[in-house]
Amino acid sequence: MTAGTLLLILGGLLISAGLVAAAAAVRGVSVLPAASPSARPSFRWRPTRLHLGALAAGVLILLITGWPVAALAAAGGVVFIPTVLGGGKASQQMIATSEALADWTRRLADLISSGAAGSTRDALRRSLSSAPATITPAVTNLVTRMGPQGVEPALRQFAREVDDPAADKIAMVLILRERNGGPGLAEVLTALAADLDERSRMVREVEAERAKPRANMRTIVVSTLVLVIGMVLFARTFLSGYSTAVGQVALLLDFVIFGTALRWMRRLSEPPTPPRVLIDPGLATVNR
């Protein structure tokens, strides 16, 4: 492989990277994970088995190939690829939370409509014994806070803990009832429970469609790894161009573009983060 060929490869990789960046800019898609505003930087780092495996993979690849870029990519791939190829946990958590909120809301409606609970506060206390496991800690905290803080602050904190728009809607209904009183709470809660059941069904259908690109990513990664390992073991002369400094730069660009494409495909298969609808008065800002 001549220097001219390597320069052509490098130019092609740079053009491909530019096209990927341009497409991401046009579509408004970010290939990097969005930073959570509530996240706090942590400076504690503890090595895990995954990190030790990454180090071992990097050293092994360096001994076999002698390419520092390949060793770095192997170490990064051990940590990065399982994260990218995973998925579905966020959707499954959303479904579980939605179903738990539906069951809990229906329980509240039954307590109020049957007369077993004489007030919103009483219904919340009685619902704790039958709260689904997914939201039991949040409901427990809600009931605990109602005494010293009051119903409304406790409901707002409950919505923040669950971190789901459905929990915001339930909290809003109960807050309005606590403020204004009046009949019809059981009917509203029953309607909310039915909406949550429909939402869970729709999320399951969408998740089944999102599973297809994740399966495609796994196929691409496995096929690529098999091809690369086979070429390293049985076709080293074909890869000899990567032994030069220019070849190492080209190899680095290969790994960067491949990793960026995988991360982009993962972002396309992730469920969007629903916005909160219940805003605390202390956090609200007034536009002047």
Protein backbone atom coordinates (compact mmCIF):
# COMPACT_ATOMS: atom_id res chain seq x y z
CA MET A 1 0.00 0.00 0.00
CA THR A 2 1.58 3.25 -1.17
CA ALA A 3 1.55 6.63 0.54
CA GLY A 4 -0.78 7.94 -2.16
CA THR A 5 -3.29 5.20 -1.41
CA LEU A 6 -3.15 5.98 2.30
CA LEU A 7 -3.74 9.66 1.58
CA LEU A 8 -6.75 8.74 -0.55
CA ILE A 9 -8.10 6.59 2.30
CA LEU A 10 -7.49 9.41 4.77
CA GLY A 11 -9.26 11.88 2.49
CA GLY A 12 -12.19 9.53 2.09
CA LEU A 13 -12.48 9.08 5.84
CA LEU A 14 -12.41 12.84 6.39
CA ILE A 15 -15.10 13.35 3.75
CA SER A 16 -17.22 10.60 5.36
CA ALA A 17 -16.83 12.22 8.76
CA GLY A 18 -17.90 15.54 7.29
CA LEU A 19 -20.97 13.98 5.69
CA VAL A 20 -21.93 12.33 8.98
CA ALA A 21 -21.52 15.63 10.85
CA ALA A 22 -23.53 17.50 8.20
CA ALA A 23 -26.35 14.94 8.30
CA ALA A 24 -26.44 15.13 12.10
CA ALA A 25 -26.59 18.93 11.96
CA VAL A 26 -29.40 18.94 9.38
CA ARG A 27 -31.49 16.39 11.29
CA GLY A 28 -30.76 17.99 14.65
CA VAL A 29 -29.44 14.70 16.04
CA SER A 30 -26.63 14.67 18.56
CA VAL A 31 -24.25 11.72 18.56
CA LEU A 32 -23.16 12.49 22.13
CA PRO A 33 -25.27 11.73 25.22
CA ALA A 34 -27.15 14.71 26.58
CA ALA A 35 -25.89 15.89 29.94
CA SER A 36 -28.42 15.71 32.74
CA PRO A 37 -28.87 19.05 34.52
CA SER A 38 -29.11 17.24 37.83
CA ALA A 39 -25.92 15.30 37.27
CA ARG A 40 -23.03 16.06 39.57
CA PRO A 41 -19.40 15.37 38.67
CA SER A 42 -17.92 12.47 40.58
CA PHE A 43 -14.19 12.08 41.06
CA ARG A 44 -14.28 8.63 42.63
CA TRP A 45 -13.18 5.93 40.23
CA ARG A 46 -13.01 2.29 41.12
CA PRO A 47 -11.73 -0.29 38.63
CA THR A 48 -14.20 -3.04 37.79
CA ARG A 49 -13.89 -6.34 35.97
CA LEU A 50 -14.88 -4.55 32.78
CA HIS A 51 -11.99 -2.10 33.16
CA LEU A 52 -9.55 -4.91 33.88
CA GLY A 53 -10.85 -6.76 30.82
CA ALA A 54 -10.37 -3.62 28.73
CA LEU A 55 -6.78 -3.29 29.94
CA ALA A 56 -6.08 -6.95 29.19
CA ALA A 57 -7.60 -6.64 25.71
CA GLY A 58 -5.51 -3.56 24.97
CA VAL A 59 -2.27 -5.21 26.07
CA LEU A 60 -3.08 -8.38 24.10
CA ILE A 61 -3.83 -6.48 20.90
CA LEU A 62 -0.67 -4.40 21.34
CA LEU A 63 1.42 -7.57 21.66
CA ILE A 64 -0.20 -9.16 18.61
CA THR A 65 -0.23 -6.20 16.23
CA GLY A 66 2.21 -3.68 17.66
CA TRP A 67 -0.31 -0.93 16.83
CA PRO A 68 -1.00 1.46 19.72
CA VAL A 69 -4.17 2.74 18.04
CA ALA A 70 -5.55 -0.79 17.75
CA ALA A 71 -4.71 -1.44 21.41
CA LEU A 72 -6.48 1.76 22.45
CA ALA A 73 -9.48 0.88 20.31
CA ALA A 74 -9.66 -2.64 21.76
CA ALA A 75 -9.59 -1.32 25.31
CA GLY A 76 -12.22 1.30 24.52
CA GLY A 77 -14.36 -1.20 22.64
CA VAL A 78 -14.57 -3.53 25.65
CA VAL A 79 -16.13 -0.68 27.64
CA PHE A 80 -18.00 1.11 24.86
CA ILE A 81 -19.55 -1.67 22.76
CA PRO A 82 -21.63 -3.34 25.55
CA THR A 83 -23.10 0.06 26.38
CA VAL A 84 -24.00 0.79 22.77
CA LEU A 85 -25.37 -2.68 22.03
CA GLY A 86 -27.52 -2.69 25.15
CA GLY A 87 -30.87 -1.04 25.23
CA GLY A 88 -34.45 -1.56 26.10
CA LYS A 89 -33.96 -0.98 29.83
CA ALA A 90 -35.29 2.57 29.67
CA SER A 91 -38.41 1.45 27.80
CA GLN A 92 -38.96 -1.49 30.12
CA GLN A 93 -38.63 0.84 33.11
CA MET A 94 -41.12 3.23 31.53
CA ILE A 95 -43.60 0.40 30.95
CA ALA A 96 -43.19 -0.93 34.50
CA THR A 97 -43.65 2.54 36.00
CA SER A 98 -46.70 3.23 33.83
CA GLU A 99 -48.34 -0.06 34.79
CA ALA A 100 -47.54 0.47 38.49
CA LEU A 101 -49.01 3.98 38.43
CA ALA A 102 -52.13 2.68 36.68
CA ASP A 103 -52.67 0.00 39.35
CA TRP A 104 -52.03 2.47 42.17
CA THR A 105 -54.33 5.10 40.65
CA ARG A 106 -57.09 2.54 40.20
CA ARG A 107 -56.65 1.53 43.84
CA LEU A 108 -57.01 5.16 44.94
CA ALA A 109 -60.17 5.49 42.86
CA ASP A 110 -61.65 2.36 44.45
CA LEU A 111 -60.89 3.59 47.96
CA ILE A 112 -62.56 6.93 47.31
CA SER A 113 -65.59 5.64 45.38
CA SER A 114 -66.32 2.90 47.93
CA GLY A 115 -66.15 5.30 50.87
CA ALA A 116 -63.34 3.33 52.52
CA ALA A 117 -61.29 6.53 52.54
CA GLY A 118 -62.87 9.74 53.74
CA SER A 119 -60.26 12.11 52.32
CA THR A 120 -57.36 12.31 49.90
CA ARG A 121 -54.89 11.98 52.75
CA ASP A 122 -56.67 8.87 54.06
CA ALA A 123 -56.80 7.31 50.59
CA LEU A 124 -53.06 7.83 50.09
CA ARG A 125 -52.31 6.20 53.46
CA ARG A 126 -54.52 3.20 52.76
CA SER A 127 -53.09 2.74 49.27
CA LEU A 128 -49.62 2.11 50.66
CA SER A 129 -50.46 -1.48 51.64
CA SER A 130 -51.30 -2.40 48.05
CA ALA A 131 -48.87 -0.16 46.13
CA PRO A 132 -46.99 -1.98 43.32
CA ALA A 133 -43.37 -2.79 44.10
CA THR A 134 -42.06 -0.47 41.38
CA ILE A 135 -43.38 2.64 43.12
CA THR A 136 -43.61 1.39 46.72
CA PRO A 137 -40.56 3.43 47.89
CA ALA A 138 -42.00 6.62 46.37
CA VAL A 139 -45.45 5.99 47.86
CA THR A 140 -43.88 5.24 51.24
CA ASN A 141 -41.99 8.52 51.16
CA LEU A 142 -45.18 10.30 50.09
CA VAL A 143 -47.14 8.99 53.07
CA THR A 144 -44.24 9.73 55.43
CA ARG A 145 -43.90 13.33 54.24
CA MET A 146 -47.60 14.17 54.36
CA GLY A 147 -47.56 14.66 58.13
CA PRO A 148 -44.73 17.15 58.57
CA GLN A 149 -44.86 18.78 55.11
CA GLY A 150 -48.50 18.63 54.04
CA VAL A 151 -50.19 16.84 51.15
CA GLU A 152 -49.23 19.20 48.32
CA PRO A 153 -45.47 19.39 49.00
CA ALA A 154 -45.41 15.62 49.52
CA LEU A 155 -47.20 15.03 46.21
CA ARG A 156 -44.77 17.32 44.38
CA GLN A 157 -41.83 15.42 45.85
CA PHE A 158 -43.51 12.14 44.90
CA ALA A 159 -43.75 13.30 41.26
CA ARG A 160 -40.08 14.27 41.27
CA GLU A 161 -39.04 10.88 42.64
CA VAL A 162 -41.04 8.88 40.12
CA ASP A 163 -39.87 11.25 37.33
CA ASP A 164 -42.66 10.39 34.91
CA PRO A 165 -45.25 12.68 33.29
CA ALA A 166 -48.00 10.30 34.41
CA ALA A 167 -46.96 10.79 38.04
CA ASP A 168 -47.12 14.55 37.43
CA LYS A 169 -50.71 14.26 36.18
CA ILE A 170 -51.78 12.14 39.14
CA ALA A 171 -50.14 14.54 41.57
CA MET A 172 -51.81 17.52 39.84
CA VAL A 173 -55.26 15.93 40.13
CA LEU A 174 -54.76 15.17 43.82
CA ILE A 175 -53.35 18.64 44.51
CA LEU A 176 -56.33 20.31 42.86
CA ARG A 177 -58.69 18.13 44.87
CA GLU A 178 -56.82 18.97 48.08
CA ARG A 179 -57.00 22.69 47.28
CA ASN A 180 -60.56 22.99 45.99
CA GLY A 181 -62.40 19.85 47.11
CA GLY A 182 -65.48 18.76 45.17
CA PRO A 183 -66.80 15.46 43.75
CA GLY A 184 -65.61 13.45 40.75
CA LEU A 185 -62.10 12.54 41.92
CA ALA A 186 -62.69 8.79 41.60
CA GLU A 187 -63.91 9.17 38.00
CA VAL A 188 -60.89 11.28 37.05
CA LEU A 189 -58.49 8.79 38.62
CA THR A 190 -60.18 5.89 36.83
CA ALA A 191 -59.84 7.71 33.51
CA LEU A 192 -56.16 8.36 34.22
CA ALA A 193 -55.61 4.67 34.96
CA ALA A 194 -57.22 3.75 31.63
CA ASP A 195 -54.95 6.24 29.83
CA LEU A 196 -51.92 4.71 31.50
CA ASP A 197 -52.96 1.23 30.39
CA GLU A 198 -53.20 2.49 26.80
CA ARG A 199 -49.85 4.22 27.13
CA SER A 200 -48.21 0.98 28.29
CA ARG A 201 -49.64 -0.86 25.29
CA MET A 202 -48.34 1.77 22.87
CA VAL A 203 -44.87 1.80 24.45
CA ARG A 204 -44.69 -2.00 24.11
CA GLU A 205 -45.49 -1.73 20.40
CA VAL A 206 -42.92 1.00 19.86
CA GLU A 207 -40.30 -0.94 21.82
CA ALA A 208 -40.84 -3.96 19.55
CA GLU A 209 -39.97 -1.74 16.58
CA ARG A 210 -36.93 -0.24 18.33
CA ALA A 211 -35.58 -3.73 18.99
CA LYS A 212 -34.97 -4.20 15.24
CA PRO A 213 -32.21 -1.58 14.81
CA ARG A 214 -30.55 -2.82 18.00
CA ALA A 215 -30.47 -6.32 16.51
CA ASN A 216 -28.99 -4.87 13.32
CA MET A 217 -26.27 -3.14 15.34
CA ARG A 218 -25.34 -6.40 17.04
CA THR A 219 -25.09 -8.12 13.66
CA ILE A 220 -22.88 -5.34 12.27
CA VAL A 221 -20.56 -5.34 15.29
CA VAL A 222 -20.18 -9.14 15.43
CA SER A 223 -19.56 -9.38 11.67
CA THR A 224 -17.01 -6.57 11.80
CA LEU A 225 -15.17 -8.10 14.74
CA VAL A 226 -15.03 -11.51 13.08
CA LEU A 227 -13.72 -9.93 9.86
CA VAL A 228 -11.07 -7.85 11.65
CA ILE A 229 -9.87 -10.76 13.80
CA GLY A 230 -9.69 -13.00 10.74
CA MET A 231 -7.64 -10.43 8.80
CA VAL A 232 -5.28 -9.87 11.73
CA LEU A 233 -4.67 -13.60 12.08
CA PHE A 234 -4.63 -14.71 8.45
CA ALA A 235 -4.13 -11.63 6.24
CA ARG A 236 -1.54 -9.49 8.01
CA THR A 237 0.10 -8.48 4.72
CA PHE A 238 -3.17 -6.84 3.61
CA LEU A 239 -3.10 -4.70 6.78
CA SER A 240 0.61 -3.87 6.60
CA GLY A 241 -0.17 -0.30 5.53
CA TYR A 242 -1.48 0.42 9.01
CA SER A 243 1.99 -0.17 10.46
CA THR A 244 3.13 3.29 9.34
CA ALA A 245 2.41 6.56 11.11
CA VAL A 246 -0.04 7.61 8.40
CA GLY A 247 -1.67 4.20 8.63
CA GLN A 248 -2.16 4.61 12.36
CA VAL A 249 -3.87 7.96 11.76
CA ALA A 250 -6.13 6.34 9.16
CA LEU A 251 -6.89 3.49 11.57
CA LEU A 252 -7.77 5.96 14.31
CA LEU A 253 -10.21 7.71 11.98
CA ASP A 254 -11.72 4.33 11.08
CA PHE A 255 -12.42 3.57 14.73
CA VAL A 256 -13.75 7.07 15.45
CA ILE A 257 -16.20 7.00 12.54
CA PHE A 258 -17.30 3.43 13.34
CA GLY A 259 -17.86 4.27 17.01
CA THR A 260 -19.69 7.48 16.15
CA ALA A 261 -21.99 5.63 13.76
CA LEU A 262 -22.77 3.01 16.41
CA ARG A 263 -23.55 5.69 18.98
CA TRP A 264 -25.77 7.49 16.50
CA MET A 265 -27.70 4.29 15.73
CA ARG A 266 -28.12 3.69 19.46
CA ARG A 267 -29.53 7.19 19.94
CA LEU A 268 -32.07 6.53 17.18
CA SER A 269 -33.30 3.43 19.03
CA GLU A 270 -33.58 5.09 22.46
CA PRO A 271 -36.95 6.33 23.73
CA PRO A 272 -37.23 10.11 23.99
CA THR A 273 -37.18 11.65 27.43
CA PRO A 274 -40.71 12.95 28.13
CA PRO A 275 -40.87 16.46 29.57
CA ARG A 276 -42.14 17.11 33.08
CA VAL A 277 -45.50 18.87 33.31
CA LEU A 278 -45.59 19.65 37.04
CA ILE A 279 -43.19 22.48 37.83
CA ASP A 280 -42.45 23.49 41.40
CA PRO A 281 -43.29 27.13 42.12
CA GLY A 282 -39.83 27.75 43.53
CA LEU A 283 -38.19 26.59 40.29
CA ALA A 284 -40.47 28.48 37.93
CA THR A 285 -39.04 31.51 36.19
CA VAL A 286 -40.99 34.51 35.03
CA ASN A 287 -40.13 35.88 31.59
CA ARG A 288 -40.20 39.61 31.51
